[in-house]
Amino acid sequence: MKVNVAQVRYRGGESVHFDLVEDFSALDLGIEALSFQAPVRVQLQVNNTSKAMLVNGTIHTELKAMCGRCLESFVYPLNLSFQDEWVFRTLATDDQLETALLLDKDEIDIKDRILEQIVVALPMKFICSAECQGLCPTCGANRNLTPCDCGEGVRDPRLAALEKWQTND
């Protein structure tokens, strides 16, 4: 994913728009791998402020993920907005050296920056839907597909002493 900012580099107040599409390979997050089910679409609005380039962007794609409750795979739509600051290394202030994307030339490969935005936006635990009932802890059946009553009426024997507790306090 390459962007060329040459047309706005020396023109303060100018802006340029980019529409980019690219297929990304799977993300290996250590515990689980996520695969992209659709190309990653990125729209960027790059504004030259004379001191830096402010970038407003949106990312749209779909990921194949596994639900943390029922363990079924599903398609997770990802639509996110982000803001970024790009500055040429020779013009960067001390603060910008630590926070901005530093440019050495007019053409930039922003694929790593886009992947960074995607990873930061991912939930800690994927859930296929708010209504997902998960798996039965006793028999392991998917409660979304099969009604299961093996846990009803069964009390944990470790908690039997609590049944004798008087509730009229």
N, C-alpha and C. Protein backbone atom coordinates (compact mmCIF):
# COMPACT_ATOMS: atom_id res chain seq x y z
N MET A 1 0.85 -1.17 0.00
CA MET A 1 0.00 0.00 0.00
C MET A 1 0.89 1.22 0.00
N LYS A 2 1.06 1.80 -1.17
CA LYS A 2 1.96 2.95 -1.28
C LYS A 2 1.17 4.23 -1.53
N VAL A 3 1.66 5.29 -0.88
CA VAL A 3 1.05 6.61 -1.01
C VAL A 3 2.15 7.57 -1.40
N ASN A 4 1.88 8.45 -2.37
CA ASN A 4 2.85 9.45 -2.79
C ASN A 4 2.30 10.83 -2.45
N VAL A 5 3.01 11.55 -1.57
CA VAL A 5 2.56 12.86 -1.09
C VAL A 5 3.28 14.01 -1.79
N ALA A 6 3.93 13.74 -2.91
CA ALA A 6 4.71 14.78 -3.61
C ALA A 6 3.85 15.97 -4.02
N GLN A 7 2.60 15.73 -4.41
CA GLN A 7 1.75 16.82 -4.91
C GLN A 7 1.33 17.80 -3.83
N VAL A 8 1.45 17.44 -2.53
CA VAL A 8 1.10 18.37 -1.45
C VAL A 8 2.28 18.69 -0.55
N ARG A 9 3.43 18.13 -0.82
CA ARG A 9 4.58 18.29 0.07
C ARG A 9 4.96 19.75 0.29
N TYR A 10 5.01 20.55 -0.73
CA TYR A 10 5.46 21.94 -0.62
C TYR A 10 4.31 22.94 -0.68
N ARG A 11 3.09 22.48 -0.58
CA ARG A 11 1.93 23.36 -0.67
C ARG A 11 1.14 23.34 0.63
N GLY A 12 1.43 24.27 1.52
CA GLY A 12 0.70 24.36 2.78
C GLY A 12 -0.77 24.66 2.52
N GLY A 13 -1.64 24.00 3.24
CA GLY A 13 -3.08 24.19 3.07
C GLY A 13 -3.70 23.28 2.02
N GLU A 14 -2.91 22.61 1.23
CA GLU A 14 -3.42 21.70 0.20
C GLU A 14 -3.74 20.34 0.80
N SER A 15 -4.61 19.62 0.12
CA SER A 15 -4.93 18.26 0.57
C SER A 15 -5.10 17.35 -0.63
N VAL A 16 -4.97 16.06 -0.38
CA VAL A 16 -5.11 15.06 -1.42
C VAL A 16 -5.84 13.86 -0.82
N HIS A 17 -6.61 13.17 -1.66
CA HIS A 17 -7.40 12.03 -1.21
C HIS A 17 -6.87 10.77 -1.90
N PHE A 18 -6.80 9.68 -1.13
CA PHE A 18 -6.36 8.39 -1.66
C PHE A 18 -7.39 7.33 -1.36
N ASP A 19 -7.69 6.48 -2.34
CA ASP A 19 -8.51 5.28 -2.16
C ASP A 19 -7.62 4.09 -2.50
N LEU A 20 -7.36 3.25 -1.51
CA LEU A 20 -6.44 2.12 -1.68
C LEU A 20 -7.15 0.82 -1.36
N VAL A 21 -6.81 -0.22 -2.09
CA VAL A 21 -7.36 -1.56 -1.85
C VAL A 21 -6.21 -2.55 -1.99
N GLU A 22 -6.10 -3.46 -1.00
CA GLU A 22 -5.05 -4.47 -1.08
C GLU A 22 -5.48 -5.71 -0.30
N ASP A 23 -5.05 -6.87 -0.79
CA ASP A 23 -5.28 -8.13 -0.08
C ASP A 23 -4.15 -8.31 0.93
N PHE A 24 -4.51 -8.56 2.18
CA PHE A 24 -3.53 -8.78 3.23
C PHE A 24 -3.50 -10.27 3.56
N SER A 25 -2.34 -10.76 4.00
CA SER A 25 -2.24 -12.15 4.43
C SER A 25 -2.79 -12.26 5.86
N ALA A 26 -2.92 -13.47 6.34
CA ALA A 26 -3.51 -13.71 7.67
C ALA A 26 -2.66 -13.07 8.76
N LEU A 27 -3.34 -12.67 9.83
CA LEU A 27 -2.67 -12.12 11.01
C LEU A 27 -2.46 -13.24 12.01
N ASP A 28 -1.23 -13.45 12.44
CA ASP A 28 -0.96 -14.44 13.47
C ASP A 28 -0.77 -13.69 14.78
N LEU A 29 -1.75 -13.81 15.67
CA LEU A 29 -1.71 -13.09 16.94
C LEU A 29 -1.20 -13.95 18.08
N GLY A 30 -0.55 -15.03 17.79
CA GLY A 30 -0.01 -15.91 18.81
C GLY A 30 -1.01 -16.96 19.24
N ILE A 31 -2.11 -16.55 19.84
CA ILE A 31 -3.12 -17.48 20.32
C ILE A 31 -4.00 -17.95 19.18
N GLU A 32 -4.33 -17.03 18.30
CA GLU A 32 -5.23 -17.39 17.20
C GLU A 32 -4.82 -16.63 15.95
N ALA A 33 -5.11 -17.21 14.81
CA ALA A 33 -4.81 -16.56 13.54
C ALA A 33 -6.12 -16.04 12.95
N LEU A 34 -6.07 -14.83 12.44
CA LEU A 34 -7.23 -14.22 11.80
C LEU A 34 -6.93 -14.09 10.32
N SER A 35 -7.88 -14.49 9.50
CA SER A 35 -7.69 -14.34 8.06
C SER A 35 -8.63 -13.27 7.54
N PHE A 36 -8.18 -12.57 6.53
CA PHE A 36 -8.98 -11.53 5.90
C PHE A 36 -9.91 -12.19 4.90
N GLN A 37 -11.21 -11.91 5.03
CA GLN A 37 -12.21 -12.47 4.12
C GLN A 37 -12.53 -11.53 2.97
N ALA A 38 -12.04 -10.30 3.07
CA ALA A 38 -12.27 -9.29 2.03
C ALA A 38 -11.00 -8.44 1.94
N PRO A 39 -10.79 -7.82 0.80
CA PRO A 39 -9.64 -6.92 0.70
C PRO A 39 -9.76 -5.77 1.70
N VAL A 40 -8.62 -5.25 2.11
CA VAL A 40 -8.60 -4.11 3.02
C VAL A 40 -8.74 -2.84 2.18
N ARG A 41 -9.78 -2.07 2.47
CA ARG A 41 -10.03 -0.81 1.76
C ARG A 41 -9.68 0.34 2.68
N VAL A 42 -8.82 1.22 2.20
CA VAL A 42 -8.36 2.35 3.00
C VAL A 42 -8.63 3.63 2.23
N GLN A 43 -9.26 4.59 2.90
CA GLN A 43 -9.46 5.92 2.33
C GLN A 43 -8.69 6.90 3.20
N LEU A 44 -7.88 7.73 2.57
CA LEU A 44 -7.05 8.70 3.29
C LEU A 44 -7.30 10.10 2.77
N GLN A 45 -7.38 11.05 3.68
CA GLN A 45 -7.40 12.47 3.34
C GLN A 45 -6.15 13.06 3.98
N VAL A 46 -5.18 13.46 3.16
CA VAL A 46 -3.90 13.99 3.64
C VAL A 46 -3.93 15.50 3.49
N ASN A 47 -3.80 16.21 4.62
CA ASN A 47 -3.82 17.67 4.64
C ASN A 47 -2.46 18.21 5.06
N ASN A 48 -1.86 19.05 4.23
CA ASN A 48 -0.57 19.66 4.55
C ASN A 48 -0.82 20.93 5.37
N THR A 49 -0.28 20.96 6.60
CA THR A 49 -0.45 22.13 7.47
C THR A 49 0.80 23.00 7.49
N SER A 50 1.72 22.78 6.60
CA SER A 50 3.02 23.44 6.49
C SER A 50 4.03 22.92 7.51
N LYS A 51 3.57 22.41 8.64
CA LYS A 51 4.49 21.85 9.64
C LYS A 51 4.46 20.32 9.61
N ALA A 52 3.36 19.76 9.19
CA ALA A 52 3.19 18.31 9.13
C ALA A 52 2.03 18.01 8.19
N MET A 53 1.81 16.74 7.96
CA MET A 53 0.65 16.32 7.20
C MET A 53 -0.27 15.56 8.13
N LEU A 54 -1.49 16.07 8.26
CA LEU A 54 -2.48 15.42 9.09
C LEU A 54 -3.30 14.49 8.21
N VAL A 55 -3.45 13.26 8.66
CA VAL A 55 -4.10 12.23 7.87
C VAL A 55 -5.34 11.75 8.60
N ASN A 56 -6.47 11.81 7.93
CA ASN A 56 -7.72 11.23 8.42
C ASN A 56 -8.01 10.04 7.51
N GLY A 57 -8.20 8.89 8.14
CA GLY A 57 -8.40 7.69 7.34
C GLY A 57 -9.51 6.80 7.86
N THR A 58 -10.01 5.96 6.97
CA THR A 58 -10.97 4.93 7.33
C THR A 58 -10.48 3.60 6.76
N ILE A 59 -10.75 2.54 7.49
CA ILE A 59 -10.36 1.19 7.07
C ILE A 59 -11.60 0.32 7.11
N HIS A 60 -11.83 -0.43 6.03
CA HIS A 60 -12.96 -1.34 5.94
C HIS A 60 -12.46 -2.70 5.47
N THR A 61 -12.84 -3.74 6.20
CA THR A 61 -12.50 -5.10 5.79
C THR A 61 -13.35 -6.09 6.58
N GLU A 62 -13.16 -7.36 6.34
CA GLU A 62 -13.84 -8.42 7.09
C GLU A 62 -12.81 -9.46 7.48
N LEU A 63 -12.90 -9.92 8.74
CA LEU A 63 -11.99 -10.92 9.26
C LEU A 63 -12.75 -12.19 9.60
N LYS A 64 -12.11 -13.33 9.42
CA LYS A 64 -12.70 -14.59 9.87
C LYS A 64 -12.12 -14.85 11.25
N ALA A 65 -13.01 -14.92 12.26
CA ALA A 65 -12.59 -15.08 13.64
C ALA A 65 -13.35 -16.24 14.28
N MET A 66 -12.93 -16.64 15.47
CA MET A 66 -13.60 -17.69 16.22
C MET A 66 -14.24 -17.08 17.46
N CYS A 67 -15.50 -17.40 17.68
CA CYS A 67 -16.23 -16.88 18.82
C CYS A 67 -15.64 -17.43 20.11
N GLY A 68 -15.46 -16.57 21.09
CA GLY A 68 -14.90 -16.97 22.38
C GLY A 68 -15.90 -17.69 23.26
N ARG A 69 -17.17 -17.73 22.90
CA ARG A 69 -18.19 -18.44 23.70
C ARG A 69 -18.56 -19.79 23.11
N CYS A 70 -18.86 -19.82 21.81
CA CYS A 70 -19.35 -21.07 21.20
C CYS A 70 -18.30 -21.76 20.33
N LEU A 71 -17.17 -21.12 20.12
CA LEU A 71 -16.05 -21.66 19.33
C LEU A 71 -16.38 -21.87 17.85
N GLU A 72 -17.43 -21.24 17.35
CA GLU A 72 -17.77 -21.29 15.93
C GLU A 72 -17.05 -20.14 15.22
N SER A 73 -16.64 -20.37 13.98
CA SER A 73 -16.02 -19.28 13.23
C SER A 73 -17.12 -18.42 12.60
N PHE A 74 -16.82 -17.14 12.45
CA PHE A 74 -17.78 -16.20 11.89
C PHE A 74 -17.00 -15.05 11.24
N VAL A 75 -17.71 -14.25 10.46
CA VAL A 75 -17.09 -13.10 9.78
C VAL A 75 -17.30 -11.87 10.65
N TYR A 76 -16.20 -11.23 11.00
CA TYR A 76 -16.21 -10.04 11.84
C TYR A 76 -15.97 -8.81 10.97
N PRO A 77 -16.98 -7.94 10.78
CA PRO A 77 -16.77 -6.74 9.96
C PRO A 77 -15.95 -5.72 10.75
N LEU A 78 -15.00 -5.11 10.10
CA LEU A 78 -14.14 -4.12 10.75
C LEU A 78 -14.24 -2.80 9.97
N ASN A 79 -14.78 -1.79 10.62
CA ASN A 79 -14.89 -0.46 10.04
C ASN A 79 -14.37 0.51 11.09
N LEU A 80 -13.26 1.14 10.81
CA LEU A 80 -12.69 2.03 11.80
C LEU A 80 -12.12 3.29 11.16
N SER A 81 -12.09 4.33 11.97
CA SER A 81 -11.51 5.61 11.56
C SER A 81 -10.25 5.84 12.39
N PHE A 82 -9.30 6.54 11.81
CA PHE A 82 -8.09 6.86 12.55
C PHE A 82 -7.54 8.20 12.07
N GLN A 83 -6.70 8.77 12.91
CA GLN A 83 -5.99 10.00 12.56
C GLN A 83 -4.51 9.75 12.78
N ASP A 84 -3.71 10.35 11.93
CA ASP A 84 -2.27 10.14 12.00
C ASP A 84 -1.57 11.44 11.64
N GLU A 85 -0.33 11.54 12.03
CA GLU A 85 0.49 12.70 11.67
C GLU A 85 1.73 12.19 10.96
N TRP A 86 1.97 12.73 9.77
CA TRP A 86 3.15 12.39 9.01
C TRP A 86 4.02 13.63 8.90
N VAL A 87 5.32 13.47 9.06
CA VAL A 87 6.23 14.60 8.97
C VAL A 87 7.55 14.12 8.37
N PHE A 88 8.15 14.98 7.57
CA PHE A 88 9.46 14.64 7.02
C PHE A 88 10.49 14.73 8.13
N ARG A 89 11.37 13.75 8.18
CA ARG A 89 12.34 13.62 9.27
C ARG A 89 13.14 14.90 9.48
N THR A 90 13.50 15.58 8.42
CA THR A 90 14.33 16.79 8.54
C THR A 90 13.57 17.95 9.18
N LEU A 91 12.24 17.93 9.16
CA LEU A 91 11.42 19.00 9.72
C LEU A 91 10.78 18.65 11.07
N ALA A 92 11.03 17.45 11.56
CA ALA A 92 10.35 16.96 12.76
C ALA A 92 10.87 17.61 14.03
N THR A 93 9.94 17.93 14.94
CA THR A 93 10.30 18.40 16.28
C THR A 93 10.60 17.19 17.16
N ASP A 94 11.07 17.42 18.37
CA ASP A 94 11.38 16.32 19.27
C ASP A 94 10.14 15.48 19.57
N ASP A 95 8.99 16.13 19.77
CA ASP A 95 7.75 15.39 20.03
C ASP A 95 7.34 14.56 18.82
N GLN A 96 7.48 15.14 17.64
CA GLN A 96 7.09 14.42 16.42
C GLN A 96 8.00 13.24 16.14
N LEU A 97 9.25 13.30 16.58
CA LEU A 97 10.15 12.17 16.38
C LEU A 97 9.65 10.92 17.10
N GLU A 98 8.88 11.11 18.17
CA GLU A 98 8.37 9.98 18.94
C GLU A 98 6.96 9.56 18.56
N THR A 99 6.16 10.48 18.02
CA THR A 99 4.74 10.17 17.81
C THR A 99 4.32 10.08 16.35
N ALA A 100 4.99 10.77 15.45
CA ALA A 100 4.55 10.85 14.05
C ALA A 100 5.20 9.77 13.20
N LEU A 101 4.61 9.53 12.05
CA LEU A 101 5.22 8.68 11.04
C LEU A 101 6.25 9.54 10.31
N LEU A 102 7.50 9.15 10.41
CA LEU A 102 8.58 9.94 9.82
C LEU A 102 8.80 9.55 8.37
N LEU A 103 8.85 10.55 7.51
CA LEU A 103 9.02 10.33 6.07
C LEU A 103 10.43 10.73 5.64
N ASP A 104 11.02 9.92 4.79
CA ASP A 104 12.32 10.24 4.22
C ASP A 104 12.21 10.56 2.73
N LYS A 105 11.09 10.18 2.13
CA LYS A 105 10.86 10.45 0.71
C LYS A 105 9.37 10.64 0.49
N ASP A 106 9.00 11.00 -0.73
CA ASP A 106 7.61 11.31 -1.03
C ASP A 106 6.71 10.08 -1.07
N GLU A 107 7.25 8.92 -1.45
CA GLU A 107 6.45 7.71 -1.53
C GLU A 107 6.63 6.88 -0.26
N ILE A 108 5.51 6.51 0.35
CA ILE A 108 5.53 5.80 1.62
C ILE A 108 4.73 4.51 1.49
N ASP A 109 5.26 3.44 2.06
CA ASP A 109 4.50 2.19 2.16
C ASP A 109 3.83 2.21 3.53
N ILE A 110 2.50 2.30 3.55
CA ILE A 110 1.76 2.44 4.81
C ILE A 110 1.13 1.13 5.27
N LYS A 111 1.49 0.02 4.67
CA LYS A 111 0.88 -1.26 5.02
C LYS A 111 1.08 -1.58 6.50
N ASP A 112 2.28 -1.40 7.02
CA ASP A 112 2.52 -1.70 8.44
C ASP A 112 1.71 -0.78 9.35
N ARG A 113 1.57 0.47 8.95
CA ARG A 113 0.79 1.43 9.75
C ARG A 113 -0.69 1.02 9.76
N ILE A 114 -1.20 0.54 8.64
CA ILE A 114 -2.59 0.10 8.56
C ILE A 114 -2.79 -1.17 9.41
N LEU A 115 -1.86 -2.11 9.33
CA LEU A 115 -1.95 -3.31 10.16
C LEU A 115 -1.92 -2.95 11.64
N GLU A 116 -1.11 -1.98 12.00
CA GLU A 116 -1.06 -1.52 13.39
C GLU A 116 -2.41 -0.98 13.84
N GLN A 117 -3.06 -0.20 12.99
CA GLN A 117 -4.38 0.34 13.33
C GLN A 117 -5.41 -0.77 13.48
N ILE A 118 -5.33 -1.78 12.63
CA ILE A 118 -6.27 -2.90 12.69
C ILE A 118 -6.08 -3.68 13.99
N VAL A 119 -4.84 -4.01 14.33
CA VAL A 119 -4.57 -4.79 15.54
C VAL A 119 -5.01 -4.04 16.79
N VAL A 120 -4.78 -2.74 16.84
CA VAL A 120 -5.17 -1.95 17.99
C VAL A 120 -6.70 -1.92 18.14
N ALA A 121 -7.43 -1.98 17.05
CA ALA A 121 -8.89 -1.89 17.08
C ALA A 121 -9.58 -3.22 17.37
N LEU A 122 -8.84 -4.33 17.35
CA LEU A 122 -9.47 -5.64 17.57
C LEU A 122 -9.93 -5.79 19.01
N PRO A 123 -11.06 -6.48 19.21
CA PRO A 123 -11.53 -6.72 20.58
C PRO A 123 -10.63 -7.76 21.26
N MET A 124 -10.64 -7.75 22.58
CA MET A 124 -9.85 -8.74 23.32
C MET A 124 -10.41 -10.14 23.13
N LYS A 125 -11.74 -10.22 22.97
CA LYS A 125 -12.41 -11.50 22.79
C LYS A 125 -13.48 -11.33 21.73
N PHE A 126 -13.43 -12.14 20.70
CA PHE A 126 -14.44 -12.09 19.64
C PHE A 126 -15.69 -12.82 20.09
N ILE A 127 -16.85 -12.20 19.90
CA ILE A 127 -18.14 -12.80 20.20
C ILE A 127 -18.99 -12.71 18.93
N CYS A 128 -19.55 -13.84 18.50
CA CYS A 128 -20.30 -13.87 17.24
C CYS A 128 -21.56 -13.01 17.30
N SER A 129 -22.22 -12.96 18.46
CA SER A 129 -23.37 -12.09 18.64
C SER A 129 -23.61 -11.90 20.14
N ALA A 130 -24.32 -10.84 20.48
CA ALA A 130 -24.60 -10.57 21.89
C ALA A 130 -25.49 -11.66 22.48
N GLU A 131 -26.25 -12.36 21.65
CA GLU A 131 -27.16 -13.40 22.11
C GLU A 131 -26.50 -14.77 22.20
N CYS A 132 -25.22 -14.88 21.88
CA CYS A 132 -24.54 -16.17 21.89
C CYS A 132 -24.58 -16.78 23.29
N GLN A 133 -25.05 -18.04 23.38
CA GLN A 133 -25.18 -18.72 24.67
C GLN A 133 -23.97 -19.57 25.02
N GLY A 134 -23.04 -19.74 24.09
CA GLY A 134 -21.82 -20.48 24.36
C GLY A 134 -22.00 -21.98 24.45
N LEU A 135 -21.03 -22.63 25.09
CA LEU A 135 -21.03 -24.08 25.23
C LEU A 135 -21.50 -24.49 26.62
N CYS A 136 -22.12 -25.64 26.70
CA CYS A 136 -22.53 -26.20 28.00
C CYS A 136 -21.27 -26.66 28.73
N PRO A 137 -21.08 -26.23 29.98
CA PRO A 137 -19.88 -26.64 30.70
C PRO A 137 -19.87 -28.13 31.08
N THR A 138 -21.02 -28.78 31.01
CA THR A 138 -21.10 -30.19 31.39
C THR A 138 -20.87 -31.11 30.19
N CYS A 139 -21.68 -30.93 29.14
CA CYS A 139 -21.60 -31.84 27.99
C CYS A 139 -20.86 -31.25 26.79
N GLY A 140 -20.66 -29.94 26.78
CA GLY A 140 -19.93 -29.30 25.68
C GLY A 140 -20.77 -28.98 24.47
N ALA A 141 -22.08 -29.15 24.54
CA ALA A 141 -22.95 -28.86 23.40
C ALA A 141 -23.02 -27.36 23.16
N ASN A 142 -23.13 -26.99 21.90
CA ASN A 142 -23.30 -25.59 21.53
C ASN A 142 -24.75 -25.21 21.85
N ARG A 143 -24.96 -24.37 22.83
CA ARG A 143 -26.31 -24.01 23.27
C ARG A 143 -27.06 -23.19 22.22
N ASN A 144 -26.39 -22.65 21.25
CA ASN A 144 -27.07 -21.93 20.17
C ASN A 144 -27.75 -22.89 19.21
N LEU A 145 -27.22 -24.12 19.10
CA LEU A 145 -27.74 -25.09 18.15
C LEU A 145 -28.60 -26.16 18.81
N THR A 146 -28.26 -26.54 20.04
CA THR A 146 -28.93 -27.62 20.73
C THR A 146 -29.34 -27.18 22.13
N PRO A 147 -30.63 -27.29 22.46
CA PRO A 147 -31.01 -26.98 23.84
C PRO A 147 -30.40 -28.03 24.77
N CYS A 148 -29.88 -27.58 25.87
CA CYS A 148 -29.20 -28.48 26.80
C CYS A 148 -29.71 -28.20 28.21
N ASP A 149 -30.11 -29.26 28.92
CA ASP A 149 -30.59 -29.07 30.28
C ASP A 149 -29.79 -29.90 31.29
N CYS A 150 -28.60 -30.31 30.91
CA CYS A 150 -27.82 -31.15 31.82
C CYS A 150 -27.28 -30.38 33.02
N GLY A 151 -27.28 -29.07 33.00
CA GLY A 151 -26.78 -28.29 34.12
C GLY A 151 -27.87 -27.82 35.06
N GLU A 152 -29.15 -27.98 34.67
CA GLU A 152 -30.25 -27.50 35.49
C GLU A 152 -30.52 -28.45 36.65
N GLY A 153 -30.70 -27.90 37.83
CA GLY A 153 -31.02 -28.69 39.00
C GLY A 153 -29.83 -29.38 39.63
N VAL A 154 -28.69 -29.35 39.03
CA VAL A 154 -27.50 -29.98 39.57
C VAL A 154 -26.72 -28.94 40.36
N ARG A 155 -26.48 -29.27 41.63
CA ARG A 155 -25.73 -28.34 42.47
C ARG A 155 -24.31 -28.85 42.64
N ASP A 156 -23.43 -27.92 42.71
CA ASP A 156 -22.02 -28.25 42.93
C ASP A 156 -21.88 -28.77 44.37
N PRO A 157 -21.38 -30.01 44.55
CA PRO A 157 -21.27 -30.57 45.90
C PRO A 157 -20.32 -29.77 46.81
N ARG A 158 -19.44 -29.03 46.23
CA ARG A 158 -18.52 -28.22 47.04
C ARG A 158 -19.25 -27.07 47.72
N LEU A 159 -20.44 -26.73 47.22
CA LEU A 159 -21.21 -25.63 47.79
C LEU A 159 -22.37 -26.11 48.67
N ALA A 160 -22.43 -27.40 48.97
CA ALA A 160 -23.53 -27.97 49.74
C ALA A 160 -23.65 -27.34 51.13
N ALA A 161 -22.55 -26.99 51.75
CA ALA A 161 -22.58 -26.39 53.09
C ALA A 161 -23.30 -25.05 53.08
N LEU A 162 -23.32 -24.38 51.98
CA LEU A 162 -23.99 -23.08 51.90
C LEU A 162 -25.51 -23.22 51.93
N GLU A 163 -26.05 -24.39 51.60
CA GLU A 163 -27.49 -24.59 51.64
C GLU A 163 -28.02 -24.53 53.07
N LYS A 164 -27.18 -24.84 54.04
CA LYS A 164 -27.56 -24.85 55.44
C LYS A 164 -27.51 -23.43 56.03
N TRP A 165 -26.98 -22.52 55.31
CA TRP A 165 -26.84 -21.14 55.80
C TRP A 165 -28.22 -20.53 56.00
N GLN A 166 -28.42 -19.89 57.13
CA GLN A 166 -29.71 -19.30 57.42
C GLN A 166 -29.79 -17.94 56.75
N THR A 167 -30.89 -17.72 56.08
CA THR A 167 -31.07 -16.46 55.34
C THR A 167 -31.87 -15.43 56.10
N ASN A 168 -32.25 -15.67 57.33
CA ASN A 168 -33.08 -14.71 58.06
C ASN A 168 -32.24 -13.72 58.88
N ASP A 169 -31.02 -13.53 58.54
CA ASP A 169 -30.17 -12.54 59.23
C ASP A 169 -30.49 -11.14 58.82
